[in-house]
């Protein structure tokens, strides 16, 4: 059986499973559509949160970025992990206590303002649409290789599958679909990692294998990797980061952006009571840890495998001839995600870092520039092929990558549709809309969101994890501060909350667009997206933390310059902080 047929069986089989679950768990009411009827078991919810959380950025892109940047890109791992803990401890139980369907609904009621709710809807849509671009881009990468179609066709296939099971099933269908997707993605991630760990070190536990000895050289894996890449002009894999300010701000942006992401927060509304929200958070952390502890090992082993594929006899010897390149390079070249240009016409693949320091050695070897480049998002997907693992493992990781992208995309699209149908239409435009009409509006808005996300996903402004990081920055600057102040401050009023959200959102988007382009359209940026051009060396990916600070400051200053919130709102805030049971936040 050829590899394409194997891939088709794994991917097609997983898709049929997701659609069957959606049909079985079809949402029949708005409660089913928004919060799965509020009756999901904490373990089930924990697995669904894990799948919702571990997006294409986590599954496909994070290890690729760590592989390329080493310690410098470990900020993705630290920020996302720390942010989940922040969300579980500081926000989830209190929001569940409030007993509402959506984040904008909480903000509208807490700040006693339909305008606050409307601004929250805008912030949610901007953050979620940016996030879903990364998921659709990741799905396009996976489809383009494993189903041997171009990325645009891959996006269309992904959109159709998400449309069927998300629009039909709503939160109820998505919850059980995400449990299945978690099982698929975690098996797809860990099984190849175990194979490769055994192959390189003899240790079957990937996180421990990263600190074990390389079988062929006898050196520790990280020491061997440092030796290989520094010989070719690359920075040491474990080298420190000179710009500590940017690293700290980026980690903080990912942390607080995580805690402000609405598609994760709404999952805590699906359990029967507050205690279940806490248990859901605990179980989700266990499920997430299985992948996040494995990711650094996958990254280091993938980078070493890539380097030794091109330089099988060591970096001091000649690289392989292009005509003798392995099959996996040939397969990925078809997608355009791996490129080769023979600059010195010697027929070999010169892969090195053409820095000024390495230039004399490159000239001595007769090299005239780096000839090999690859999209970082492919490393995890290509890892089984690089290591010559069985065809069924390659098919499994194809299904896993798509499961990661589609599970998070579905959660994001549900957050967008609920914001439009429940918060915008029912909460502002037509409060008397029937439940049947609201459910129809939710499905239509989700369908429109899928079309928009697919269109934007065709031209993302960066790698999947980088696009997702922008979404985290927007959520950090706009939604996280208002949620924190809504729970922990009785003094912040509606005028302060609205002013803070708008200030944080506008500040962050302006900074991002200065370097990334207006609406991410190439050629519309005013400044080059380089460290030298960034203000104080702060990357557009890191600006969300500063935007959050702007939000807090503006909200507190404006609130203290205007009237206090009504007494009943202050009592409401006090009751939310003592989560004794589920439902509306009132004294019992």
Protein backbone atom coordinates (compact mmCIF):
# COMPACT_ATOMS: atom_id res chain seq x y z
CA UNK A 1 0.00 0.00 0.00
CA UNK A 2 1.48 3.39 -0.99
CA UNK A 3 1.91 6.27 1.48
CA UNK A 4 -0.82 8.41 -0.08
CA UNK A 5 -3.40 5.66 0.45
CA UNK A 6 -2.27 5.20 4.07
CA UNK A 7 -2.55 8.95 4.67
CA UNK A 8 -5.99 8.99 3.10
CA UNK A 9 -7.18 6.16 5.35
CA UNK A 10 -5.97 7.85 8.55
CA UNK A 11 -7.14 11.37 7.65
CA UNK A 12 -10.40 10.27 6.05
CA UNK A 13 -11.17 7.90 8.92
CA UNK A 14 -10.62 10.61 11.51
CA UNK A 15 -12.85 13.02 9.57
CA UNK A 16 -15.67 10.47 9.38
CA UNK A 17 -15.34 9.97 13.15
CA UNK A 18 -15.65 13.71 13.83
CA UNK A 19 -18.69 14.09 11.58
CA UNK A 20 -20.39 11.00 13.08
CA UNK A 21 -19.91 12.44 16.57
CA UNK A 22 -21.40 15.77 15.42
CA UNK A 23 -24.49 13.98 14.07
CA UNK A 24 -24.84 11.98 17.28
CA UNK A 25 -24.46 15.08 19.51
CA UNK A 26 -26.40 17.55 17.37
CA UNK A 27 -27.30 20.71 19.29
CA UNK A 28 -31.05 21.13 19.67
CA UNK A 29 -31.09 24.29 21.80
CA UNK A 30 -29.01 27.42 22.38
CA UNK A 31 -27.79 25.90 25.66
CA UNK A 32 -26.52 22.85 23.76
CA UNK A 33 -24.97 25.07 21.09
CA UNK A 34 -23.19 27.49 23.45
CA UNK A 35 -22.29 25.42 26.53
CA UNK A 36 -23.23 21.79 25.68
CA UNK A 37 -26.19 22.01 28.07
CA UNK A 38 -23.84 22.67 31.01
CA UNK A 39 -23.54 18.95 31.79
CA UNK A 40 -20.05 17.92 30.60
CA UNK A 41 -17.99 15.72 32.96
CA UNK A 42 -14.74 17.36 34.22
CA UNK A 43 -12.48 14.65 32.70
CA UNK A 44 -14.28 14.89 29.36
CA UNK A 45 -14.09 18.67 29.55
CA UNK A 46 -10.40 18.48 30.46
CA UNK A 47 -9.65 16.43 27.34
CA UNK A 48 -11.73 18.82 25.21
CA UNK A 49 -9.88 21.80 26.69
CA UNK A 50 -6.60 20.03 25.91
CA UNK A 51 -7.57 19.65 22.25
CA UNK A 52 -8.97 23.20 22.13
CA UNK A 53 -5.75 24.48 23.67
CA UNK A 54 -3.21 22.47 21.67
CA UNK A 55 -3.77 24.09 18.33
CA UNK A 56 -1.80 23.88 15.10
CA UNK A 57 0.59 26.30 16.77
CA UNK A 58 1.32 23.80 19.56
CA UNK A 59 1.28 20.63 17.47
CA UNK A 60 2.80 21.77 14.18
CA UNK A 61 4.61 25.03 14.74
CA UNK A 62 5.93 25.27 18.30
CA UNK A 63 8.48 22.46 18.04
CA UNK A 64 9.53 23.80 14.62
CA UNK A 65 10.20 27.24 16.09
CA UNK A 66 12.11 25.78 19.04
CA UNK A 67 14.08 23.58 16.63
CA UNK A 68 15.06 26.63 14.59
CA UNK A 69 15.72 29.04 17.46
CA UNK A 70 16.60 26.80 20.40
CA UNK A 71 16.42 28.38 23.84
CA UNK A 72 15.36 31.74 22.37
CA UNK A 73 12.06 30.26 21.19
CA UNK A 74 11.36 28.37 24.40
CA UNK A 75 9.31 31.44 25.32
CA UNK A 76 6.40 29.88 23.40
CA UNK A 77 6.51 26.87 25.70
CA UNK A 78 6.90 28.90 28.91
CA UNK A 79 4.31 31.52 28.03
CA UNK A 80 1.55 29.15 26.95
CA UNK A 81 2.06 26.81 29.92
CA UNK A 82 2.20 29.61 32.48
CA UNK A 83 -0.80 31.28 30.90
CA UNK A 84 -2.95 28.21 31.25
CA UNK A 85 -2.15 28.02 34.98
CA UNK A 86 -3.03 31.71 35.28
CA UNK A 87 -6.35 31.11 33.55
CA UNK A 88 -7.19 28.09 35.68
CA UNK A 89 -6.37 29.80 38.98
CA UNK A 90 -7.49 33.39 38.52
CA UNK A 91 -10.32 33.44 35.99
CA UNK A 92 -12.07 30.15 35.21
CA UNK A 93 -13.80 29.39 38.55
CA UNK A 94 -15.03 32.97 39.00
CA UNK A 95 -16.37 33.26 35.47
CA UNK A 96 -18.15 29.92 35.91
CA UNK A 97 -19.65 31.26 39.12
CA UNK A 98 -21.10 34.18 37.20
CA UNK A 99 -23.07 31.67 35.15
CA UNK A 100 -23.18 33.31 31.70
CA UNK A 101 -22.72 31.89 28.21
CA UNK A 102 -19.97 34.15 26.86
CA UNK A 103 -17.14 36.49 27.83
CA UNK A 104 -18.84 39.63 26.36
CA UNK A 105 -21.99 38.75 28.34
CA UNK A 106 -19.96 38.72 31.56
CA UNK A 107 -18.35 42.05 30.66
CA UNK A 108 -21.71 43.62 29.73
CA UNK A 109 -23.38 42.53 32.99
CA UNK A 110 -20.41 43.25 35.26
CA UNK A 111 -19.93 46.73 33.83
CA UNK A 112 -23.70 47.31 33.50
CA UNK A 113 -23.34 48.53 29.93
CA UNK A 114 -24.42 47.28 26.51
CA UNK A 115 -21.61 49.41 25.05
CA UNK A 116 -19.05 47.52 27.15
CA UNK A 117 -20.51 44.29 25.84
CA UNK A 118 -20.31 45.58 22.26
CA UNK A 119 -16.66 46.64 22.63
CA UNK A 120 -15.89 43.22 24.12
CA UNK A 121 -17.49 41.59 21.06
CA UNK A 122 -15.21 43.62 18.79
CA UNK A 123 -12.11 42.67 20.82
CA UNK A 124 -13.13 39.01 20.83
CA UNK A 125 -13.70 38.90 17.08
CA UNK A 126 -10.39 40.62 16.27
CA UNK A 127 -8.40 38.27 18.55
CA UNK A 128 -10.26 35.12 17.48
CA UNK A 129 -10.11 35.83 13.74
CA UNK A 130 -6.35 36.47 14.01
CA UNK A 131 -5.97 33.21 15.94
CA UNK A 132 -8.01 31.15 13.48
CA UNK A 133 -5.84 32.40 10.58
CA UNK A 134 -2.96 30.46 12.16
CA UNK A 135 -5.09 27.32 12.47
CA UNK A 136 -6.20 27.41 8.86
CA UNK A 137 -2.61 28.08 7.75
CA UNK A 138 -1.48 25.03 9.73
CA UNK A 139 -4.23 22.91 8.18
CA UNK A 140 -3.10 24.08 4.74
CA UNK A 141 0.49 22.96 5.45
CA UNK A 142 -0.66 19.52 6.58
CA UNK A 143 -3.08 19.01 3.69
CA UNK A 144 -0.61 20.19 1.07
CA UNK A 145 1.80 17.40 1.95
CA UNK A 146 -0.26 14.46 3.08
CA UNK A 147 -3.15 14.68 0.62
CA UNK A 148 -0.86 15.96 -2.15
CA UNK A 149 -2.94 19.06 -2.88
CA UNK A 150 -2.02 22.74 -2.90
CA UNK A 151 -2.49 24.69 0.32
CA UNK A 152 -5.54 26.58 -1.01
CA UNK A 153 -7.35 23.33 -1.76
CA UNK A 154 -6.31 22.07 1.66
CA UNK A 155 -7.87 25.11 3.29
CA UNK A 156 -11.12 24.49 1.43
CA UNK A 157 -11.24 20.86 2.59
CA UNK A 158 -10.54 21.91 6.19
CA UNK A 159 -13.26 24.57 6.00
CA UNK A 160 -15.86 22.07 4.76
CA UNK A 161 -15.07 19.56 7.53
CA UNK A 162 -15.19 22.22 10.26
CA UNK A 163 -18.41 23.62 8.79
CA UNK A 164 -20.15 20.25 9.01
CA UNK A 165 -19.29 19.28 12.56
CA UNK A 166 -19.12 22.74 14.17
CA UNK A 167 -22.22 24.29 12.60
CA UNK A 168 -24.30 21.16 13.18
CA UNK A 169 -23.10 20.17 16.64
CA UNK A 170 -22.29 23.51 18.28
CA UNK A 171 -20.52 23.24 21.63
CA UNK A 172 -22.13 19.88 22.36
CA UNK A 173 -20.81 18.33 19.15
CA UNK A 174 -17.49 20.16 19.37
CA UNK A 175 -16.89 18.94 22.94
CA UNK A 176 -17.09 15.24 22.09
CA UNK A 177 -15.36 15.76 18.76
CA UNK A 178 -12.48 17.46 20.59
CA UNK A 179 -12.14 14.51 22.96
CA UNK A 180 -11.65 12.26 19.91
CA UNK A 181 -9.27 14.82 18.40
CA UNK A 182 -7.22 14.93 21.60
CA UNK A 183 -6.76 11.15 21.47
CA UNK A 184 -5.69 11.36 17.84
CA UNK A 185 -3.28 14.27 18.24
CA UNK A 186 -1.57 13.05 21.42
CA UNK A 187 -0.96 9.59 19.93
CA UNK A 188 0.25 11.19 16.70
CA UNK A 189 2.68 13.41 18.59
CA UNK A 190 4.11 10.96 21.12
CA UNK A 191 4.43 7.75 19.07
CA UNK A 192 6.88 9.24 16.49
CA UNK A 193 8.73 10.97 19.34
CA UNK A 194 9.20 7.62 21.11
CA UNK A 195 10.45 5.95 17.91
CA UNK A 196 12.95 8.75 17.26
CA UNK A 197 14.10 8.91 20.89
CA UNK A 198 14.90 5.19 20.80
CA UNK A 199 16.65 5.55 17.44
CA UNK A 200 18.88 8.44 18.56
CA UNK A 201 19.50 7.61 22.24
CA UNK A 202 18.02 4.22 23.12
CA UNK A 203 15.81 5.97 25.71
CA UNK A 204 12.07 5.52 24.98
CA UNK A 205 10.94 8.54 27.05
CA UNK A 206 11.37 11.64 24.85
CA UNK A 207 11.74 14.28 27.64
CA UNK A 208 14.51 12.18 29.20
CA UNK A 209 16.03 11.29 25.83
CA UNK A 210 16.74 14.99 25.25
CA UNK A 211 19.29 14.76 28.08
CA UNK A 212 20.62 11.31 27.13
CA UNK A 213 23.68 10.42 25.07
CA UNK A 214 23.58 10.35 21.29
CA UNK A 215 24.06 6.70 20.32
CA UNK A 216 26.46 7.30 17.42
CA UNK A 217 28.72 9.97 18.96
CA UNK A 218 28.46 9.23 22.68
CA UNK A 219 27.85 12.93 23.34
CA UNK A 220 24.73 14.29 25.10
CA UNK A 221 22.11 15.10 22.45
CA UNK A 222 22.14 18.86 23.09
CA UNK A 223 25.94 18.98 23.07
CA UNK A 224 26.00 17.05 19.78
CA UNK A 225 23.40 19.39 18.30
CA UNK A 226 25.33 22.48 19.40
CA UNK A 227 28.47 21.07 17.82
CA UNK A 228 26.76 20.38 14.49
CA UNK A 229 24.99 23.70 14.05
CA UNK A 230 27.81 25.96 15.32
CA UNK A 231 30.16 24.28 12.82
CA UNK A 232 27.87 25.70 10.12
CA UNK A 233 27.64 29.25 11.43
CA UNK A 234 24.37 28.91 13.35
CA UNK A 235 24.00 30.17 16.93
CA UNK A 236 24.36 27.59 19.66
CA UNK A 237 21.04 25.82 20.34
CA UNK A 238 21.31 26.50 24.07
CA UNK A 239 22.71 30.04 23.80
CA UNK A 240 21.29 32.77 26.03
CA UNK A 241 19.09 35.59 24.72
CA UNK A 242 20.69 39.07 24.71
CA UNK A 243 17.39 41.00 24.66
CA UNK A 244 15.98 39.99 28.04
CA UNK A 245 13.32 42.73 27.97
CA UNK A 246 11.74 41.42 24.78
CA UNK A 247 11.93 37.82 26.00
CA UNK A 248 10.23 38.72 29.29
CA UNK A 249 7.52 40.77 27.56
CA UNK A 250 6.87 38.04 24.99
CA UNK A 251 6.50 35.39 27.70
CA UNK A 252 4.19 37.69 29.67
CA UNK A 253 2.15 38.47 26.53
CA UNK A 254 1.59 34.78 25.87
CA UNK A 255 0.67 34.18 29.52
CA UNK A 256 -1.93 36.89 29.92
CA UNK A 257 -3.11 36.47 26.35
CA UNK A 258 -3.81 32.83 27.17
CA UNK A 259 -5.89 33.88 30.15
CA UNK A 260 -7.91 36.23 27.95
CA UNK A 261 -8.72 33.82 25.11
CA UNK A 262 -12.51 33.46 24.91
CA UNK A 263 -12.58 30.09 23.14
CA UNK A 264 -10.81 28.48 26.11
CA UNK A 265 -12.75 30.40 28.76
CA UNK A 266 -16.15 29.33 27.42
CA UNK A 267 -15.19 25.69 27.94
CA UNK A 268 -15.43 26.29 31.71
CA UNK A 269 -19.10 27.23 31.28
CA UNK A 270 -19.93 23.70 30.07
CA UNK A 271 -19.61 21.93 33.46
CA UNK A 272 -22.40 21.63 36.07
CA UNK A 273 -20.74 23.53 38.94
CA UNK A 274 -17.75 25.63 40.02
CA UNK A 275 -15.88 22.70 41.58
CA UNK A 276 -16.10 20.94 38.23
CA UNK A 277 -14.52 23.96 36.56
CA UNK A 278 -11.50 23.58 38.86
CA UNK A 279 -11.30 19.82 38.22
CA UNK A 280 -11.58 20.46 34.47
CA UNK A 281 -8.61 22.80 34.72
CA UNK A 282 -6.59 20.19 36.60
CA UNK A 283 -7.34 17.41 34.14
CA UNK A 284 -6.64 19.70 31.18
CA UNK A 285 -3.22 20.53 32.63
CA UNK A 286 -2.41 16.81 32.80
CA UNK A 287 -3.50 16.28 29.19
CA UNK A 288 -1.62 19.34 27.97
CA UNK A 289 1.55 18.38 29.84
CA UNK A 290 1.84 15.15 27.84
CA UNK A 291 2.48 17.16 24.68
CA UNK A 292 4.30 20.14 26.17
CA UNK A 293 6.88 17.98 27.96
CA UNK A 294 7.51 16.14 24.69
CA UNK A 295 7.78 19.22 22.43
CA UNK A 296 11.35 20.32 23.40
CA UNK A 297 12.62 16.79 22.80
CA UNK A 298 10.87 16.61 19.42
CA UNK A 299 12.40 19.98 18.48
CA UNK A 300 15.98 19.07 19.35
CA UNK A 301 15.82 15.63 17.76
CA UNK A 302 14.18 16.97 14.59
CA UNK A 303 16.89 19.62 14.18
CA UNK A 304 19.66 17.05 14.68
CA UNK A 305 18.04 14.62 12.23
CA UNK A 306 17.71 17.38 9.62
CA UNK A 307 21.36 18.41 9.93
CA UNK A 308 22.71 14.86 9.82
CA UNK A 309 20.52 14.09 6.79
CA UNK A 310 22.24 16.84 4.81
CA UNK A 311 25.69 16.18 6.35
CA UNK A 312 25.65 12.38 6.94
CA UNK A 313 29.45 12.17 7.28
CA UNK A 314 29.80 15.21 9.55
CA UNK A 315 29.91 18.96 8.97
CA UNK A 316 33.57 18.92 7.99
CA UNK A 317 32.72 16.70 5.00
CA UNK A 318 30.76 17.59 1.88
CA UNK A 319 26.95 17.76 2.10
CA UNK A 320 24.86 15.28 0.13
CA UNK A 321 24.36 15.67 -3.61
CA UNK A 322 21.00 17.10 -4.61
CA UNK A 323 20.25 14.15 -6.89
CA UNK A 324 20.78 11.82 -3.93
CA UNK A 325 18.49 13.74 -1.56
CA UNK A 326 16.13 11.51 0.45
CA UNK A 327 12.56 10.88 -0.62
CA UNK A 328 11.07 13.05 2.14
CA UNK A 329 12.82 16.16 0.77
CA UNK A 330 11.52 15.39 -2.70
CA UNK A 331 7.97 15.01 -1.35
CA UNK A 332 8.04 18.30 0.58
CA UNK A 333 9.62 20.17 -2.35
CA UNK A 334 6.42 19.55 -4.30
CA UNK A 335 4.52 21.63 -1.73
CA UNK A 336 6.91 24.58 -2.07
CA UNK A 337 7.67 24.41 1.66
CA UNK A 338 11.23 23.22 0.96
CA UNK A 339 13.31 25.02 -1.66
CA UNK A 340 16.80 24.48 -3.12
CA UNK A 341 18.93 26.74 -5.33
CA UNK A 342 22.32 25.52 -6.55
CA UNK A 343 24.25 28.80 -6.24
CA UNK A 344 27.73 27.41 -6.93
CA UNK A 345 26.62 24.79 -9.48
CA UNK A 346 28.30 21.87 -7.70
CA UNK A 347 25.13 19.79 -7.40
CA UNK A 348 25.35 19.59 -3.59
CA UNK A 349 23.07 21.03 -0.88
CA UNK A 350 24.96 23.72 1.03
CA UNK A 351 22.95 24.40 4.17
CA UNK A 352 24.57 26.89 6.54
CA UNK A 353 24.12 30.31 8.11
CA UNK A 354 25.80 32.86 5.79
CA UNK A 355 26.85 35.31 8.51
CA UNK A 356 29.78 37.67 8.28
CA UNK A 357 31.73 35.58 10.81
CA UNK A 358 31.23 32.37 8.82
CA UNK A 359 31.88 33.98 5.40
CA UNK A 360 35.66 33.20 5.29
CA UNK A 361 35.09 29.49 5.92
CA UNK A 362 32.22 29.35 3.40
CA UNK A 363 34.46 31.01 0.79
CA UNK A 364 37.24 28.53 1.53
CA UNK A 365 34.82 25.65 0.91
CA UNK A 366 33.65 27.21 -2.34
CA UNK A 367 30.15 27.97 -1.06
CA UNK A 368 28.38 31.02 -2.48
CA UNK A 369 25.38 31.27 -0.17
CA UNK A 370 22.89 29.09 1.65
CA UNK A 371 21.06 26.87 -0.85
CA UNK A 372 18.48 25.11 1.31
CA UNK A 373 15.47 26.57 3.10
CA UNK A 374 12.39 25.10 4.72
CA UNK A 375 9.19 26.28 6.34
CA UNK A 376 9.53 25.73 10.09
CA UNK A 377 5.97 24.47 10.30
CA UNK A 378 6.92 21.25 8.48
CA UNK A 379 9.44 19.83 10.97
CA UNK A 380 7.02 17.97 13.23
CA UNK A 381 5.03 16.68 10.26
CA UNK A 382 8.18 15.62 8.42
CA UNK A 383 9.89 14.11 11.47
CA UNK A 384 8.70 10.51 10.90
CA UNK A 385 9.81 10.68 7.27
CA UNK A 386 13.20 12.13 8.21
CA UNK A 387 13.70 9.22 10.64
CA UNK A 388 12.42 6.61 8.12
CA UNK A 389 9.57 5.48 10.38
CA UNK A 390 6.79 3.15 9.13
CA UNK A 391 4.12 4.51 6.80
CA UNK A 392 1.35 4.15 9.38
CA UNK A 393 3.21 6.55 11.72
CA UNK A 394 3.34 9.14 8.94
CA UNK A 395 -0.40 8.68 8.35
CA UNK A 396 -1.06 9.03 12.08
CA UNK A 397 0.85 12.29 12.38
CA UNK A 398 -1.00 13.65 9.35
CA UNK A 399 -4.30 12.97 11.12
CA UNK A 400 -2.91 14.42 14.36
CA UNK A 401 -1.76 17.67 12.78
CA UNK A 402 -5.14 18.18 11.17
CA UNK A 403 -6.93 17.28 14.41
CA UNK A 404 -4.92 19.94 16.27
CA UNK A 405 -5.70 22.62 13.69
CA UNK A 406 -9.38 21.77 13.29
CA UNK A 407 -10.16 21.31 17.01
CA UNK A 408 -8.97 24.80 17.90
CA UNK A 409 -10.48 26.31 14.76
CA UNK A 410 -13.87 24.90 15.78
CA UNK A 411 -13.58 26.37 19.28
CA UNK A 412 -12.59 29.77 17.92
CA UNK A 413 -15.39 29.78 15.37
CA UNK A 414 -17.88 28.92 18.10
CA UNK A 415 -16.60 31.82 20.21
CA UNK A 416 -17.00 34.16 17.24
CA UNK A 417 -20.50 32.92 16.36
CA UNK A 418 -21.74 33.09 19.96
CA UNK A 419 -20.39 36.64 20.27
CA UNK A 420 -22.30 37.66 17.15
CA UNK A 421 -25.56 35.77 17.73
CA UNK A 422 -25.83 35.92 21.53
CA UNK A 423 -24.04 39.15 22.42
CA UNK A 424 -24.53 41.30 19.34
CA UNK A 425 -27.88 40.18 17.91
CA UNK A 426 -29.74 39.02 21.05
CA UNK A 427 -27.92 41.30 23.49
CA UNK A 428 -28.02 44.52 21.43
CA UNK A 429 -29.88 44.44 18.12
CA UNK A 430 -32.91 42.17 18.77
CA UNK A 431 -33.39 41.19 22.45
CA UNK A 432 -36.75 39.52 21.64
CA UNK A 433 -35.34 37.05 19.13
CA UNK A 434 -36.65 33.49 19.62
CA UNK A 435 -34.37 30.64 20.65
CA UNK A 436 -34.84 29.07 17.22
CA UNK A 437 -33.92 32.37 15.55
CA UNK A 438 -30.86 32.79 17.76
CA UNK A 439 -29.69 29.26 16.95
CA UNK A 440 -30.09 29.96 13.24
CA UNK A 441 -28.17 33.25 13.61
CA UNK A 442 -25.39 31.39 15.46
CA UNK A 443 -25.03 28.86 12.65
CA UNK A 444 -25.10 31.50 9.91
CA UNK A 445 -22.51 33.66 11.70
CA UNK A 446 -20.27 30.61 12.15
CA UNK A 447 -20.55 29.82 8.44
CA UNK A 448 -19.58 33.41 7.56
CA UNK A 449 -16.68 33.26 10.05
CA UNK A 450 -15.42 30.06 8.40
CA UNK A 451 -15.43 31.73 4.98
CA UNK A 452 -13.54 34.79 6.29
CA UNK A 453 -11.02 32.64 8.21
CA UNK A 454 -10.38 30.48 5.14
CA UNK A 455 -9.79 33.52 2.95
CA UNK A 456 -7.37 35.11 5.44
CA UNK A 457 -5.69 31.77 6.16
CA UNK A 458 -4.59 31.57 2.52
CA UNK A 459 -2.14 34.46 3.10
CA UNK A 460 -1.03 34.39 6.75
CA UNK A 461 1.45 37.04 7.99
CA UNK A 462 3.93 34.46 9.34
CA UNK A 463 4.37 30.92 10.62
CA UNK A 464 1.37 29.40 12.41
CA UNK A 465 2.79 29.99 15.91
CA UNK A 466 3.76 33.58 15.06
CA UNK A 467 0.26 34.39 13.81
CA UNK A 468 -1.21 32.83 16.94
CA UNK A 469 1.18 34.89 19.07
CA UNK A 470 -0.28 38.06 17.52
CA UNK A 471 -3.75 36.89 18.56
CA UNK A 472 -2.49 36.32 22.10
CA UNK A 473 -1.13 39.87 22.15
CA UNK A 474 -4.50 41.28 21.09
CA UNK A 475 -6.34 39.22 23.73
CA UNK A 476 -3.76 40.23 26.36
CA UNK A 477 -4.20 43.93 25.65
CA UNK A 478 -7.97 44.01 25.32
CA UNK A 479 -9.78 41.22 27.21
CA UNK A 480 -7.50 39.98 30.00
CA UNK A 481 -7.32 43.29 31.94
CA UNK A 482 -11.08 43.86 31.86
CA UNK A 483 -11.74 40.30 33.04
CA UNK A 484 -9.27 40.69 35.92
CA UNK A 485 -10.66 44.08 36.92
CA UNK A 486 -14.20 42.80 36.60
CA UNK A 487 -13.51 40.06 39.13
CA UNK A 488 -11.04 41.66 41.53
CA UNK A 489 -11.85 45.40 41.53
CA UNK A 490 -15.12 46.91 42.75
CA UNK A 491 -14.01 50.43 41.79
CA UNK A 492 -13.63 50.02 38.01
CA UNK A 493 -16.79 51.27 36.31
CA UNK A 494 -18.27 50.98 32.83
CA UNK A 495 -16.58 54.11 31.46
CA UNK A 496 -13.19 52.93 32.70
CA UNK A 497 -13.64 49.43 31.30
CA UNK A 498 -14.65 50.68 27.86
CA UNK A 499 -11.82 53.23 27.78
CA UNK A 500 -9.28 50.62 28.86
CA UNK A 501 -10.36 48.03 26.28
CA UNK A 502 -10.29 50.54 23.44
CA UNK A 503 -6.94 52.01 24.52
CA UNK A 504 -5.30 48.58 24.82
CA UNK A 505 -6.75 47.34 21.52
CA UNK A 506 -5.89 50.44 19.48
CA UNK A 507 -2.38 50.72 20.95
CA UNK A 508 -1.56 47.05 20.25
CA UNK A 509 -3.06 46.93 16.76
CA UNK A 510 -1.28 50.15 15.77
CA UNK A 511 2.09 48.75 16.83
CA UNK A 512 1.45 45.41 15.09
CA UNK A 513 0.31 47.06 11.85
CA UNK A 514 3.36 49.34 11.83
CA UNK A 515 5.55 46.28 11.31
CA UNK A 516 3.20 43.62 9.90
CA UNK A 517 1.13 45.74 7.53
CA UNK A 518 -2.47 46.94 7.64
CA UNK A 519 -4.65 43.83 8.08
CA UNK A 520 -1.42 41.90 7.41
CA UNK A 521 -1.42 42.92 3.73
CA UNK A 522 2.21 42.80 2.48
CA UNK A 523 3.64 46.18 1.48
CA UNK A 524 1.38 48.23 3.77
CA UNK A 525 3.71 48.26 6.77
CA UNK A 526 5.50 51.52 7.56
CA UNK A 527 8.61 50.01 9.15
CA UNK A 528 10.72 46.87 8.51
CA UNK A 529 9.91 44.01 10.88
CA UNK A 530 13.44 43.71 12.28
CA UNK A 531 14.93 44.00 15.76
CA UNK A 532 16.78 47.18 14.75
CA UNK A 533 13.51 48.90 13.80
CA UNK A 534 11.48 47.82 16.84
CA UNK A 535 10.95 50.46 19.54
CA UNK A 536 13.22 49.61 22.51
CA UNK A 537 13.76 46.23 20.82
CA UNK A 538 10.14 45.16 21.54
CA UNK A 539 8.78 42.79 18.90
CA UNK A 540 5.19 43.11 17.57
CA UNK A 541 4.69 39.64 19.10
CA UNK A 542 5.61 41.04 22.53
CA UNK A 543 3.66 44.30 22.54
CA UNK A 544 0.51 42.78 24.06
CA UNK A 545 1.97 43.00 27.57
CA UNK A 546 2.53 46.75 27.14
CA UNK A 547 -0.98 47.06 25.68
CA UNK A 548 -2.37 45.33 28.78
CA UNK A 549 -0.54 47.82 30.99
CA UNK A 550 -2.05 50.68 28.96
CA UNK A 551 -5.47 49.09 29.41
CA UNK A 552 -5.08 48.80 33.21
CA UNK A 553 -3.78 52.36 33.60
CA UNK A 554 -6.47 53.98 31.45
CA UNK A 555 -9.25 51.97 33.12
CA UNK A 556 -8.16 52.87 36.66
CA UNK A 557 -7.52 56.56 35.86
CA UNK A 558 -10.86 57.02 34.09
CA UNK A 559 -12.76 55.04 36.74
CA UNK A 560 -11.32 57.11 39.58
CA UNK A 561 -12.19 60.32 37.71
CA UNK A 562 -15.83 59.27 37.30
CA UNK A 563 -18.63 57.90 39.50
CA UNK A 564 -18.33 54.64 41.41
CA UNK A 565 -20.24 51.60 40.14
CA UNK A 566 -23.71 51.10 41.67
CA UNK A 567 -23.85 49.37 45.06
CA UNK A 568 -25.49 46.25 43.62
CA UNK A 569 -22.62 45.86 41.11
CA UNK A 570 -20.04 46.15 43.90
CA UNK A 571 -21.93 43.48 45.86
CA UNK A 572 -22.01 41.33 42.73
CA UNK A 573 -18.21 41.57 42.39
CA UNK A 574 -17.83 40.61 46.03
CA UNK A 575 -20.03 37.52 45.59
CA UNK A 576 -18.21 36.35 42.44
CA UNK A 577 -14.94 36.10 44.38
CA UNK A 578 -16.45 33.47 46.66
CA UNK A 579 -17.50 30.68 44.25
CA UNK A 580 -19.87 28.56 46.37
CA UNK A 581 -21.73 26.54 43.74
CA UNK A 582 -22.83 27.19 40.21
CA UNK A 583 -25.20 29.61 38.60
CA UNK A 584 -25.82 33.27 39.15
CA UNK A 585 -23.38 35.09 41.42
CA UNK A 586 -25.57 35.89 44.43
CA UNK A 587 -25.20 35.34 48.17
CA UNK A 588 -26.60 32.01 49.36
